[in-house]
Amino acid sequence: MLRHDNATHLPRARGGLERRIRDAETHLFDAVEADVDQFFLDLARTRLRLRVIAHGRGPTVLLLHGVSESAAVWAPLFPKLRHLRVLAVDLPGHGLSDPISFQPGKVRQTARSIVDDILDALQIDHVPVIGHSLGGMFALWHLAAGSTRISELVAIGAPAVALEGTRVRIPLSLLTVRGLGVAVLRAPSPPGVYRRLLARGLGTSDVAAAPGPLIEALRLSARRPDNARTVASLMHGMNRFRRARPESVLSRPELASIRTPTTFILGRDDPYLTVSGARRSVDQIRGGRLLEMPGGHAPWLADPEGAAKLITGHPRREMHNPPPVPKPRSTDQPGRSVASQ
């Protein structure tokens, strides 16, 4: 069920495409039996407006999705994390958030500004983060820059191209080509065609298990003109056609500098990075943990309960306690470690 908090001042959907996205999301939340709120954040530094989907009651956890996804992609996981107040953000140019243009050589700097801006708008100093793919990479970049605002990180799925050895595969590699990326994203794709393309990006088992309304919400979100331009600029800014730009990949000294408790959860069929390939990088992080589960790049879609157990089950106790999020972005308890619950 989708619930609009009276204090969040959600705008009316602009045009038929946004209405269809909201309708698909409403069906999705009903299908997974998730009672959600949503609101928008006005960011001070980047001057962007981002949509947030909130679920659950308890300590605050921030969820950052992958490229060409939206906050709705976490919906199957919401009921399994109901003891947490999860705040799933539509990153810029994704879902219903404002767009942004990424520039080669400046993607890391822009990503850090976005994460800081989100935390400032939520009035949170320290918070655990669960990041998928791009979201995991943004969080890792933030930690490698010396920030202590992320109190714990769980990166599920290979964290985009942050780790050495990650492959850039079709269809994502097509998005790195100037001009072609926007055309690919905006091309009319019937649901069956889009599902097959998504399966190549996320993994067959993950997409096969995903609720139909989620596939539809992602398909429609990718077709928003501003979203297509943002994603194309992001892919061009961080990748070449079949490999990452060097500045996108964390060096071994950068990984060794991370002191924040960090756990990686990879599907054993992740198409971008094998578990053994990830281990070389994870071993550079003091106390870094690498866990494996069935599935591909988004393994919680196939097994939300198993993913939730891995997210909350690893033994972390030394987290900071961030203050509660102010109303209408409120939580009943201050945020603590994801794993300490």
C-alpha atoms as a PDB file:
ATOM      1  CA  MET A   1       0.000   0.000   0.000  1.00  0.00           C
ATOM      2  CA  LEU A   2       1.273   3.479  -0.853  1.00  0.00           C
ATOM      3  CA  ARG A   3       0.619   6.128   1.768  1.00  0.00           C
ATOM      4  CA  HIS A   4       1.351   9.811   1.232  1.00  0.00           C
ATOM      5  CA  ASP A   5       2.315  11.690   4.381  1.00  0.00           C
ATOM      6  CA  ASN A   6       0.371  14.958   4.511  1.00  0.00           C
ATOM      7  CA  ALA A   7       3.534  16.870   5.429  1.00  0.00           C
ATOM      8  CA  THR A   8       5.611  15.766   2.470  1.00  0.00           C
ATOM      9  CA  HIS A   9       3.900  17.895  -0.204  1.00  0.00           C
ATOM     10  CA  LEU A  10       4.193  15.343  -2.981  1.00  0.00           C
ATOM     11  CA  PRO A  11       3.562  16.967  -6.342  1.00  0.00           C
ATOM     12  CA  ARG A  12       0.968  15.643  -8.689  1.00  0.00           C
ATOM     13  CA  ALA A  13       2.355  13.269 -11.274  1.00  0.00           C
ATOM     14  CA  ARG A  14       3.394  15.196 -14.377  1.00  0.00           C
ATOM     15  CA  GLY A  15       2.069  13.554 -17.496  1.00  0.00           C
ATOM     16  CA  GLY A  16       0.910  10.087 -18.328  1.00  0.00           C
ATOM     17  CA  LEU A  17       4.313   8.425 -17.934  1.00  0.00           C
ATOM     18  CA  GLU A  18       4.718   9.445 -14.291  1.00  0.00           C
ATOM     19  CA  ARG A  19       1.146   8.411 -13.520  1.00  0.00           C
ATOM     20  CA  ARG A  20       1.864   4.993 -15.016  1.00  0.00           C
ATOM     21  CA  ILE A  21       5.039   4.698 -12.923  1.00  0.00           C
ATOM     22  CA  ARG A  22       3.104   5.518  -9.747  1.00  0.00           C
ATOM     23  CA  ASP A  23       0.342   3.077 -10.689  1.00  0.00           C
ATOM     24  CA  ALA A  24       2.862   0.280 -11.263  1.00  0.00           C
ATOM     25  CA  GLU A  25       4.519   1.035  -7.920  1.00  0.00           C
ATOM     26  CA  THR A  26       1.171   0.986  -6.131  1.00  0.00           C
ATOM     27  CA  HIS A  27       0.496  -2.480  -7.554  1.00  0.00           C
ATOM     28  CA  LEU A  28       4.027  -3.524  -6.538  1.00  0.00           C
ATOM     29  CA  PHE A  29       3.659  -2.443  -2.928  1.00  0.00           C
ATOM     30  CA  ASP A  30       0.290  -4.192  -2.738  1.00  0.00           C
ATOM     31  CA  ALA A  31       1.820  -7.360  -4.199  1.00  0.00           C
ATOM     32  CA  VAL A  32       4.606  -7.517  -1.597  1.00  0.00           C
ATOM     33  CA  GLU A  33       2.298  -6.294   1.205  1.00  0.00           C
ATOM     34  CA  ALA A  34       4.455  -3.276   2.011  1.00  0.00           C
ATOM     35  CA  ASP A  35       2.869  -0.207   3.610  1.00  0.00           C
ATOM     36  CA  VAL A  36       5.133   2.632   2.478  1.00  0.00           C
ATOM     37  CA  ASP A  37       5.370   6.392   2.771  1.00  0.00           C
ATOM     38  CA  GLN A  38       7.062   8.646   0.277  1.00  0.00           C
ATOM     39  CA  PHE A  39       8.387  12.181   0.341  1.00  0.00           C
ATOM     40  CA  PHE A  40      10.819  14.405  -1.493  1.00  0.00           C
ATOM     41  CA  LEU A  41      14.113  15.848  -0.285  1.00  0.00           C
ATOM     42  CA  ASP A  42      15.321  19.265  -1.433  1.00  0.00           C
ATOM     43  CA  LEU A  43      19.121  19.090  -1.551  1.00  0.00           C
ATOM     44  CA  ALA A  44      21.033  22.234  -0.652  1.00  0.00           C
ATOM     45  CA  ARG A  45      24.362  21.672  -2.424  1.00  0.00           C
ATOM     46  CA  THR A  46      23.303  20.078  -5.676  1.00  0.00           C
ATOM     47  CA  ARG A  47      19.899  21.831  -5.683  1.00  0.00           C
ATOM     48  CA  LEU A  48      18.192  18.595  -6.660  1.00  0.00           C
ATOM     49  CA  ARG A  49      14.865  17.184  -5.548  1.00  0.00           C
ATOM     50  CA  LEU A  50      14.979  13.463  -4.805  1.00  0.00           C
ATOM     51  CA  ARG A  51      12.146  11.072  -4.021  1.00  0.00           C
ATOM     52  CA  VAL A  52      12.381   8.798  -0.963  1.00  0.00           C
ATOM     53  CA  ILE A  53      10.297   5.681  -0.273  1.00  0.00           C
ATOM     54  CA  ALA A  54      10.175   4.804   3.439  1.00  0.00           C
ATOM     55  CA  HIS A  55       9.117   1.567   5.102  1.00  0.00           C
ATOM     56  CA  GLY A  56       9.177  -0.009   8.548  1.00  0.00           C
ATOM     57  CA  ARG A  57       9.713   1.227  12.089  1.00  0.00           C
ATOM     58  CA  GLY A  58      13.007   1.155  13.921  1.00  0.00           C
ATOM     59  CA  PRO A  59      16.599   2.252  13.398  1.00  0.00           C
ATOM     60  CA  THR A  60      17.232   4.197  10.208  1.00  0.00           C
ATOM     61  CA  VAL A  61      19.010   2.546   7.262  1.00  0.00           C
ATOM     62  CA  LEU A  62      19.663   4.243   3.911  1.00  0.00           C
ATOM     63  CA  LEU A  63      19.147   2.210   0.716  1.00  0.00           C
ATOM     64  CA  LEU A  64      20.901   3.204  -2.536  1.00  0.00           C
ATOM     65  CA  HIS A  65      19.865   1.375  -5.723  1.00  0.00           C
ATOM     66  CA  GLY A  66      21.751   0.463  -8.908  1.00  0.00           C
ATOM     67  CA  VAL A  67      22.011   2.168 -12.278  1.00  0.00           C
ATOM     68  CA  SER A  68      18.794   2.507 -14.313  1.00  0.00           C
ATOM     69  CA  GLU A  69      16.773   1.243 -11.335  1.00  0.00           C
ATOM     70  CA  SER A  70      14.740   3.113  -8.742  1.00  0.00           C
ATOM     71  CA  ALA A  71      13.986   2.956  -5.037  1.00  0.00           C
ATOM     72  CA  ALA A  72      11.117   0.584  -5.876  1.00  0.00           C
ATOM     73  CA  VAL A  73      13.621  -2.183  -6.679  1.00  0.00           C
ATOM     74  CA  TRP A  74      14.016  -2.774  -2.928  1.00  0.00           C
ATOM     75  CA  ALA A  75      10.291  -3.464  -2.416  1.00  0.00           C
ATOM     76  CA  PRO A  76      10.576  -7.290  -2.142  1.00  0.00           C
ATOM     77  CA  LEU A  77      13.026  -6.749   0.710  1.00  0.00           C
ATOM     78  CA  PHE A  78      10.854  -4.271   2.637  1.00  0.00           C
ATOM     79  CA  PRO A  79       8.698  -6.806   4.542  1.00  0.00           C
ATOM     80  CA  LYS A  80      11.816  -8.750   5.559  1.00  0.00           C
ATOM     81  CA  LEU A  81      13.369  -5.599   7.064  1.00  0.00           C
ATOM     82  CA  ARG A  82      10.210  -4.305   8.745  1.00  0.00           C
ATOM     83  CA  HIS A  83      12.092  -3.910  12.044  1.00  0.00           C
ATOM     84  CA  LEU A  84      14.147  -1.140  10.395  1.00  0.00           C
ATOM     85  CA  ARG A  85      13.124   2.261   9.101  1.00  0.00           C
ATOM     86  CA  VAL A  86      14.499   1.918   5.586  1.00  0.00           C
ATOM     87  CA  LEU A  87      14.788   5.049   3.492  1.00  0.00           C
ATOM     88  CA  ALA A  88      15.140   4.055  -0.171  1.00  0.00           C
ATOM     89  CA  VAL A  89      16.228   7.007  -2.299  1.00  0.00           C
ATOM     90  CA  ASP A  90      15.641   7.538  -6.006  1.00  0.00           C
ATOM     91  CA  LEU A  91      19.135   8.668  -7.021  1.00  0.00           C
ATOM     92  CA  PRO A  92      19.343  11.652  -9.407  1.00  0.00           C
ATOM     93  CA  GLY A  93      17.948  10.867 -12.830  1.00  0.00           C
ATOM     94  CA  HIS A  94      16.292   7.676 -11.588  1.00  0.00           C
ATOM     95  CA  GLY A  95      12.720   6.932 -10.580  1.00  0.00           C
ATOM     96  CA  LEU A  96      10.929  10.231  -9.971  1.00  0.00           C
ATOM     97  CA  SER A  97      13.958  12.297  -8.905  1.00  0.00           C
ATOM     98  CA  ASP A  98      15.454  15.320 -10.646  1.00  0.00           C
ATOM     99  CA  PRO A  99      18.089  14.696 -13.320  1.00  0.00           C
ATOM    100  CA  ILE A 100      21.780  15.515 -13.293  1.00  0.00           C
ATOM    101  CA  SER A 101      24.559  15.407 -15.873  1.00  0.00           C
ATOM    102  CA  PHE A 102      27.690  13.450 -14.930  1.00  0.00           C
ATOM    103  CA  GLN A 103      31.041  14.412 -16.429  1.00  0.00           C
ATOM    104  CA  PRO A 104      34.039  12.120 -17.039  1.00  0.00           C
ATOM    105  CA  GLY A 105      36.680  12.674 -14.382  1.00  0.00           C
ATOM    106  CA  LYS A 106      34.151  14.177 -11.963  1.00  0.00           C
ATOM    107  CA  VAL A 107      31.770  11.284 -11.293  1.00  0.00           C
ATOM    108  CA  ARG A 108      33.336  10.407  -7.927  1.00  0.00           C
ATOM    109  CA  GLN A 109      33.226  14.020  -6.748  1.00  0.00           C
ATOM    110  CA  THR A 110      29.606  14.362  -7.834  1.00  0.00           C
ATOM    111  CA  ALA A 111      28.651  11.077  -6.143  1.00  0.00           C
ATOM    112  CA  ARG A 112      30.160  12.179  -2.842  1.00  0.00           C
ATOM    113  CA  SER A 113      28.305  15.493  -3.025  1.00  0.00           C
ATOM    114  CA  ILE A 114      25.037  13.633  -3.657  1.00  0.00           C
ATOM    115  CA  VAL A 115      25.510  11.297  -0.669  1.00  0.00           C
ATOM    116  CA  ASP A 116      26.465  14.179   1.634  1.00  0.00           C
ATOM    117  CA  ASP A 117      23.529  16.216   0.352  1.00  0.00           C
ATOM    118  CA  ILE A 118      21.105  13.361   1.059  1.00  0.00           C
ATOM    119  CA  LEU A 119      22.405  12.914   4.612  1.00  0.00           C
ATOM    120  CA  ASP A 120      22.298  16.666   5.238  1.00  0.00           C
ATOM    121  CA  ALA A 121      18.699  16.883   4.010  1.00  0.00           C
ATOM    122  CA  LEU A 122      17.751  13.980   6.288  1.00  0.00           C
ATOM    123  CA  GLN A 123      19.698  15.625   9.152  1.00  0.00           C
ATOM    124  CA  ILE A 124      21.668  12.417   9.728  1.00  0.00           C
ATOM    125  CA  ASP A 125      25.334  12.445  10.717  1.00  0.00           C
ATOM    126  CA  HIS A 126      25.963   8.682  10.672  1.00  0.00           C
ATOM    127  CA  VAL A 127      23.863   5.932   9.129  1.00  0.00           C
ATOM    128  CA  PRO A 128      24.223   2.336   7.900  1.00  0.00           C
ATOM    129  CA  VAL A 129      23.890   1.997   4.133  1.00  0.00           C
ATOM    130  CA  ILE A 130      22.735  -0.910   1.994  1.00  0.00           C
ATOM    131  CA  GLY A 131      23.853  -0.322  -1.575  1.00  0.00           C
ATOM    132  CA  HIS A 132      23.185  -2.268  -4.738  1.00  0.00           C
ATOM    133  CA  SER A 133      25.655  -2.040  -7.620  1.00  0.00           C
ATOM    134  CA  LEU A 134      25.948   1.715  -8.318  1.00  0.00           C
ATOM    135  CA  GLY A 135      24.680   2.502  -4.812  1.00  0.00           C
ATOM    136  CA  GLY A 136      27.360   0.270  -3.309  1.00  0.00           C
ATOM    137  CA  MET A 137      30.015   1.967  -5.432  1.00  0.00           C
ATOM    138  CA  PHE A 138      28.866   5.457  -4.400  1.00  0.00           C
ATOM    139  CA  ALA A 139      29.122   4.379  -0.744  1.00  0.00           C
ATOM    140  CA  LEU A 140      32.565   2.805  -1.231  1.00  0.00           C
ATOM    141  CA  TRP A 141      33.845   5.939  -2.954  1.00  0.00           C
ATOM    142  CA  HIS A 142      32.507   7.949  -0.036  1.00  0.00           C
ATOM    143  CA  LEU A 143      34.321   5.759   2.493  1.00  0.00           C
ATOM    144  CA  ALA A 144      37.567   5.745   0.495  1.00  0.00           C
ATOM    145  CA  ALA A 145      37.536   9.554   0.552  1.00  0.00           C
ATOM    146  CA  GLY A 146      37.768   9.415   4.354  1.00  0.00           C
ATOM    147  CA  SER A 147      34.161  10.101   5.275  1.00  0.00           C
ATOM    148  CA  THR A 148      32.824   8.667   8.536  1.00  0.00           C
ATOM    149  CA  ARG A 149      29.173   9.462   7.848  1.00  0.00           C
ATOM    150  CA  ILE A 150      28.436   5.913   6.665  1.00  0.00           C
ATOM    151  CA  SER A 151      28.614   3.883   9.862  1.00  0.00           C
ATOM    152  CA  GLU A 152      28.355   0.496   8.136  1.00  0.00           C
ATOM    153  CA  LEU A 153      28.074  -0.641   4.536  1.00  0.00           C
ATOM    154  CA  VAL A 154      26.410  -3.713   3.099  1.00  0.00           C
ATOM    155  CA  ALA A 155      27.066  -3.854  -0.665  1.00  0.00           C
ATOM    156  CA  ILE A 156      24.787  -6.394  -2.328  1.00  0.00           C
ATOM    157  CA  GLY A 157      25.654  -7.352  -5.881  1.00  0.00           C
ATOM    158  CA  ALA A 158      29.004  -6.393  -7.396  1.00  0.00           C
ATOM    159  CA  PRO A 159      29.436  -2.673  -6.542  1.00  0.00           C
ATOM    160  CA  ALA A 160      29.333  -1.469 -10.163  1.00  0.00           C
ATOM    161  CA  VAL A 161      32.956  -1.023 -11.306  1.00  0.00           C
ATOM    162  CA  ALA A 162      34.475  -0.063  -7.938  1.00  0.00           C
ATOM    163  CA  LEU A 163      36.402  -3.345  -7.607  1.00  0.00           C
ATOM    164  CA  GLU A 164      39.220  -4.522  -9.836  1.00  0.00           C
ATOM    165  CA  GLY A 165      38.258  -7.099 -12.449  1.00  0.00           C
ATOM    166  CA  THR A 166      34.621  -6.057 -12.914  1.00  0.00           C
ATOM    167  CA  ARG A 167      33.331  -6.503 -16.461  1.00  0.00           C
ATOM    168  CA  VAL A 168      31.175  -3.984 -18.333  1.00  0.00           C
ATOM    169  CA  ARG A 169      28.766  -6.155 -20.303  1.00  0.00           C
ATOM    170  CA  ILE A 170      26.095  -5.656 -22.919  1.00  0.00           C
ATOM    171  CA  PRO A 171      23.483  -4.168 -22.578  1.00  0.00           C
ATOM    172  CA  LEU A 172      25.160  -1.749 -20.135  1.00  0.00           C
ATOM    173  CA  SER A 173      28.184  -1.253 -22.398  1.00  0.00           C
ATOM    174  CA  LEU A 174      25.878   0.193 -25.079  1.00  0.00           C
ATOM    175  CA  LEU A 175      24.951   2.982 -22.667  1.00  0.00           C
ATOM    176  CA  THR A 176      28.555   4.228 -22.548  1.00  0.00           C
ATOM    177  CA  VAL A 177      28.467   5.371 -26.201  1.00  0.00           C
ATOM    178  CA  ARG A 178      27.595   9.052 -26.645  1.00  0.00           C
ATOM    179  CA  GLY A 179      24.221   9.448 -28.352  1.00  0.00           C
ATOM    180  CA  LEU A 180      23.488   5.739 -28.361  1.00  0.00           C
ATOM    181  CA  GLY A 181      22.840   5.445 -24.625  1.00  0.00           C
ATOM    182  CA  VAL A 182      19.839   7.788 -24.602  1.00  0.00           C
ATOM    183  CA  ALA A 183      18.393   6.162 -27.710  1.00  0.00           C
ATOM    184  CA  VAL A 184      18.694   2.678 -26.196  1.00  0.00           C
ATOM    185  CA  LEU A 185      17.083   3.721 -22.925  1.00  0.00           C
ATOM    186  CA  ARG A 186      14.206   5.601 -24.554  1.00  0.00           C
ATOM    187  CA  ALA A 187      13.492   3.095 -27.295  1.00  0.00           C
ATOM    188  CA  PRO A 188      10.007   1.606 -26.923  1.00  0.00           C
ATOM    189  CA  SER A 189      10.466  -1.818 -25.370  1.00  0.00           C
ATOM    190  CA  PRO A 190       7.474  -4.106 -24.889  1.00  0.00           C
ATOM    191  CA  PRO A 191       7.434  -5.651 -21.406  1.00  0.00           C
ATOM    192  CA  GLY A 192       8.700  -9.017 -22.673  1.00  0.00           C
ATOM    193  CA  VAL A 193      11.647  -7.442 -24.499  1.00  0.00           C
ATOM    194  CA  TYR A 194      12.516  -5.265 -21.513  1.00  0.00           C
ATOM    195  CA  ARG A 195      12.373  -8.251 -19.167  1.00  0.00           C
ATOM    196  CA  ARG A 196      14.844 -10.150 -21.366  1.00  0.00           C
ATOM    197  CA  LEU A 197      17.219  -7.176 -21.464  1.00  0.00           C
ATOM    198  CA  LEU A 198      16.946  -6.791 -17.704  1.00  0.00           C
ATOM    199  CA  ALA A 199      17.707 -10.483 -17.262  1.00  0.00           C
ATOM    200  CA  ARG A 200      20.970  -9.961 -19.146  1.00  0.00           C
ATOM    201  CA  GLY A 201      21.843  -7.137 -16.765  1.00  0.00           C
ATOM    202  CA  LEU A 202      20.706  -8.610 -13.445  1.00  0.00           C
ATOM    203  CA  GLY A 203      20.558 -12.352 -14.026  1.00  0.00           C
ATOM    204  CA  THR A 204      17.880 -14.724 -15.243  1.00  0.00           C
ATOM    205  CA  SER A 205      16.840 -16.119 -11.866  1.00  0.00           C
ATOM    206  CA  ASP A 206      16.584 -12.700 -10.238  1.00  0.00           C
ATOM    207  CA  VAL A 207      14.391 -11.215 -12.955  1.00  0.00           C
ATOM    208  CA  ALA A 208      12.264 -14.367 -13.236  1.00  0.00           C
ATOM    209  CA  ALA A 209      11.393 -14.037  -9.542  1.00  0.00           C
ATOM    210  CA  ALA A 210      10.755 -10.274  -9.613  1.00  0.00           C
ATOM    211  CA  PRO A 211       7.133  -9.139  -9.309  1.00  0.00           C
ATOM    212  CA  GLY A 212       5.616  -8.055 -12.616  1.00  0.00           C
ATOM    213  CA  PRO A 213       4.724  -4.562 -11.363  1.00  0.00           C
ATOM    214  CA  LEU A 214       8.391  -3.995 -10.418  1.00  0.00           C
ATOM    215  CA  ILE A 215       9.522  -4.817 -13.952  1.00  0.00           C
ATOM    216  CA  GLU A 216       6.899  -2.419 -15.294  1.00  0.00           C
ATOM    217  CA  ALA A 217       7.888   0.391 -12.911  1.00  0.00           C
ATOM    218  CA  LEU A 218      11.564   0.049 -13.899  1.00  0.00           C
ATOM    219  CA  ARG A 219      10.692  -0.136 -17.609  1.00  0.00           C
ATOM    220  CA  LEU A 220       8.658   3.048 -17.453  1.00  0.00           C
ATOM    221  CA  SER A 221      11.174   4.901 -15.260  1.00  0.00           C
ATOM    222  CA  ALA A 222      13.980   4.204 -17.738  1.00  0.00           C
ATOM    223  CA  ARG A 223      11.931   5.874 -20.471  1.00  0.00           C
ATOM    224  CA  ARG A 224      11.648   9.242 -18.734  1.00  0.00           C
ATOM    225  CA  PRO A 225      13.686  11.577 -20.993  1.00  0.00           C
ATOM    226  CA  ASP A 226      15.640  13.142 -18.124  1.00  0.00           C
ATOM    227  CA  ASN A 227      16.369   9.736 -16.633  1.00  0.00           C
ATOM    228  CA  ALA A 228      17.729   8.436 -19.922  1.00  0.00           C
ATOM    229  CA  ARG A 229      20.046  11.425 -20.272  1.00  0.00           C
ATOM    230  CA  THR A 230      21.282  11.077 -16.690  1.00  0.00           C
ATOM    231  CA  VAL A 231      21.988   7.348 -16.977  1.00  0.00           C
ATOM    232  CA  ALA A 232      23.739   7.762 -20.329  1.00  0.00           C
ATOM    233  CA  SER A 233      25.980  10.536 -18.934  1.00  0.00           C
ATOM    234  CA  LEU A 234      26.732   8.418 -15.851  1.00  0.00           C
ATOM    235  CA  MET A 235      27.666   5.330 -17.860  1.00  0.00           C
ATOM    236  CA  HIS A 236      29.865   7.382 -20.208  1.00  0.00           C
ATOM    237  CA  GLY A 237      31.426   9.192 -17.256  1.00  0.00           C
ATOM    238  CA  MET A 238      32.477   6.097 -15.314  1.00  0.00           C
ATOM    239  CA  ASN A 239      33.050   3.494 -18.065  1.00  0.00           C
ATOM    240  CA  ARG A 240      34.542   2.925 -21.448  1.00  0.00           C
ATOM    241  CA  PHE A 241      32.782   0.498 -23.781  1.00  0.00           C
ATOM    242  CA  ARG A 242      33.919  -2.764 -22.181  1.00  0.00           C
ATOM    243  CA  ARG A 243      35.894  -1.650 -19.134  1.00  0.00           C
ATOM    244  CA  ALA A 244      35.798   0.888 -16.357  1.00  0.00           C
ATOM    245  CA  ARG A 245      37.602   4.187 -16.561  1.00  0.00           C
ATOM    246  CA  PRO A 246      40.687   3.901 -14.306  1.00  0.00           C
ATOM    247  CA  GLU A 247      39.458   6.601 -11.914  1.00  0.00           C
ATOM    248  CA  SER A 248      36.283   4.605 -11.226  1.00  0.00           C
ATOM    249  CA  VAL A 249      38.159   1.631  -9.764  1.00  0.00           C
ATOM    250  CA  LEU A 250      39.299   1.736  -6.135  1.00  0.00           C
ATOM    251  CA  SER A 251      43.019   1.142  -5.747  1.00  0.00           C
ATOM    252  CA  ARG A 252      44.388  -1.259  -3.174  1.00  0.00           C
ATOM    253  CA  PRO A 253      45.632   1.599  -0.942  1.00  0.00           C
ATOM    254  CA  GLU A 254      42.150   3.163  -1.114  1.00  0.00           C
ATOM    255  CA  LEU A 255      40.533  -0.111  -0.114  1.00  0.00           C
ATOM    256  CA  ALA A 256      43.054  -0.548   2.711  1.00  0.00           C
ATOM    257  CA  SER A 257      42.170   2.924   4.007  1.00  0.00           C
ATOM    258  CA  ILE A 258      38.535   1.949   4.662  1.00  0.00           C
ATOM    259  CA  ARG A 259      37.908   1.409   8.368  1.00  0.00           C
ATOM    260  CA  THR A 260      34.126   1.262   8.299  1.00  0.00           C
ATOM    261  CA  PRO A 261      32.629  -2.248   8.755  1.00  0.00           C
ATOM    262  CA  THR A 262      31.927  -3.391   5.217  1.00  0.00           C
ATOM    263  CA  THR A 263      30.196  -6.538   3.991  1.00  0.00           C
ATOM    264  CA  PHE A 264      29.797  -7.655   0.383  1.00  0.00           C
ATOM    265  CA  ILE A 265      26.985 -10.037  -0.610  1.00  0.00           C
ATOM    266  CA  LEU A 266      27.384 -11.478  -4.101  1.00  0.00           C
ATOM    267  CA  GLY A 267      25.147 -13.828  -6.006  1.00  0.00           C
ATOM    268  CA  ARG A 268      27.162 -16.792  -7.153  1.00  0.00           C
ATOM    269  CA  ASP A 269      25.988 -16.076 -10.717  1.00  0.00           C
ATOM    270  CA  ASP A 270      26.650 -12.318 -10.654  1.00  0.00           C
ATOM    271  CA  PRO A 271      27.425 -11.512 -14.316  1.00  0.00           C
ATOM    272  CA  TYR A 272      29.895  -8.723 -13.565  1.00  0.00           C
ATOM    273  CA  LEU A 273      32.260 -10.101 -10.934  1.00  0.00           C
ATOM    274  CA  THR A 274      32.840 -13.574  -9.548  1.00  0.00           C
ATOM    275  CA  VAL A 275      33.074 -14.235  -5.828  1.00  0.00           C
ATOM    276  CA  SER A 276      36.691 -15.306  -6.203  1.00  0.00           C
ATOM    277  CA  GLY A 277      37.436 -12.178  -8.236  1.00  0.00           C
ATOM    278  CA  ALA A 278      35.864  -9.956  -5.588  1.00  0.00           C
ATOM    279  CA  ARG A 279      37.868 -11.585  -2.805  1.00  0.00           C
ATOM    280  CA  ARG A 280      41.127  -9.998  -3.974  1.00  0.00           C
ATOM    281  CA  SER A 281      39.679  -6.543  -3.335  1.00  0.00           C
ATOM    282  CA  VAL A 282      37.624  -7.378  -0.244  1.00  0.00           C
ATOM    283  CA  ASP A 283      40.717  -8.813   1.458  1.00  0.00           C
ATOM    284  CA  GLN A 284      42.325  -5.359   1.255  1.00  0.00           C
ATOM    285  CA  ILE A 285      39.660  -3.906   3.584  1.00  0.00           C
ATOM    286  CA  ARG A 286      40.351  -4.396   7.270  1.00  0.00           C
ATOM    287  CA  GLY A 287      37.607  -6.681   8.539  1.00  0.00           C
ATOM    288  CA  GLY A 288      35.920  -6.751   5.123  1.00  0.00           C
ATOM    289  CA  ARG A 289      33.521  -9.674   4.731  1.00  0.00           C
ATOM    290  CA  LEU A 290      32.445 -11.442   1.554  1.00  0.00           C
ATOM    291  CA  LEU A 291      29.275 -13.535   1.625  1.00  0.00           C
ATOM    292  CA  GLU A 292      27.772 -15.623  -1.169  1.00  0.00           C
ATOM    293  CA  MET A 293      24.179 -16.537  -1.899  1.00  0.00           C
ATOM    294  CA  PRO A 294      22.249 -18.046  -4.803  1.00  0.00           C
ATOM    295  CA  GLY A 295      21.270 -15.632  -7.537  1.00  0.00           C
ATOM    296  CA  GLY A 296      22.729 -13.057  -9.871  1.00  0.00           C
ATOM    297  CA  HIS A 297      23.371  -9.340  -9.588  1.00  0.00           C
ATOM    298  CA  ALA A 298      20.226  -8.602  -7.527  1.00  0.00           C
ATOM    299  CA  PRO A 299      19.903 -11.781  -5.437  1.00  0.00           C
ATOM    300  CA  TRP A 300      17.297 -10.394  -3.016  1.00  0.00           C
ATOM    301  CA  LEU A 301      14.757 -10.528  -5.851  1.00  0.00           C
ATOM    302  CA  ALA A 302      15.010 -14.317  -5.963  1.00  0.00           C
ATOM    303  CA  ASP A 303      15.433 -14.819  -2.209  1.00  0.00           C
ATOM    304  CA  PRO A 304      14.458 -11.749  -0.164  1.00  0.00           C
ATOM    305  CA  GLU A 305      14.360 -13.683   3.109  1.00  0.00           C
ATOM    306  CA  GLY A 306      17.816 -15.179   2.566  1.00  0.00           C
ATOM    307  CA  ALA A 307      19.239 -11.787   1.616  1.00  0.00           C
ATOM    308  CA  ALA A 308      17.678 -10.145   4.679  1.00  0.00           C
ATOM    309  CA  LYS A 309      19.241 -12.757   6.946  1.00  0.00           C
ATOM    310  CA  LEU A 310      22.673 -12.100   5.474  1.00  0.00           C
ATOM    311  CA  ILE A 311      22.197  -8.327   5.701  1.00  0.00           C
ATOM    312  CA  THR A 312      21.155  -8.393   9.355  1.00  0.00           C
ATOM    313  CA  GLY A 313      22.909 -11.534  10.553  1.00  0.00           C
ATOM    314  CA  HIS A 314      26.593 -10.727  10.383  1.00  0.00           C
ATOM    315  CA  PRO A 315      28.040  -9.819  13.813  1.00  0.00           C
ATOM    316  CA  ARG A 316      28.609  -6.066  13.933  1.00  0.00           C
ATOM    317  CA  ARG A 317      28.195  -4.210  17.194  1.00  0.00           C
ATOM    318  CA  GLU A 318      30.543  -1.229  17.080  1.00  0.00           C
ATOM    319  CA  MET A 319      28.366   1.156  15.056  1.00  0.00           C
ATOM    320  CA  HIS A 320      27.648   4.802  15.698  1.00  0.00           C
ATOM    321  CA  ASN A 321      24.102   5.735  16.676  1.00  0.00           C
ATOM    322  CA  PRO A 322      22.781   8.482  14.347  1.00  0.00           C
ATOM    323  CA  PRO A 323      20.023  10.808  15.563  1.00  0.00           C
ATOM    324  CA  PRO A 324      16.438  10.127  14.514  1.00  0.00           C
ATOM    325  CA  VAL A 325      15.308  11.574  11.204  1.00  0.00           C
ATOM    326  CA  PRO A 326      13.142  14.679  11.789  1.00  0.00           C
ATOM    327  CA  LYS A 327       9.479  14.658  10.788  1.00  0.00           C
ATOM    328  CA  PRO A 328       8.161  14.070   8.204  1.00  0.00           C
ATOM    329  CA  ARG A 329      11.286  11.991   7.745  1.00  0.00           C
ATOM    330  CA  SER A 330      11.017  10.518  11.222  1.00  0.00           C
ATOM    331  CA  THR A 331      11.974   7.277  12.889  1.00  0.00           C
ATOM    332  CA  ASP A 332      10.922   6.039  16.279  1.00  0.00           C
ATOM    333  CA  GLN A 333      14.459   5.062  17.282  1.00  0.00           C
ATOM    334  CA  PRO A 334      17.915   6.383  16.485  1.00  0.00           C
ATOM    335  CA  GLY A 335      19.676   4.479  13.724  1.00  0.00           C
ATOM    336  CA  ARG A 336      22.045   1.721  14.728  1.00  0.00           C
ATOM    337  CA  SER A 337      23.953  -0.928  12.894  1.00  0.00           C
ATOM    338  CA  VAL A 338      21.935  -2.920  10.399  1.00  0.00           C
ATOM    339  CA  ALA A 339      23.413  -6.056  11.892  1.00  0.00           C
ATOM    340  CA  SER A 340      22.876  -5.251  15.524  1.00  0.00           C
ATOM    341  CA  GLN A 341      19.130  -5.838  15.193  1.00  0.00           C
END
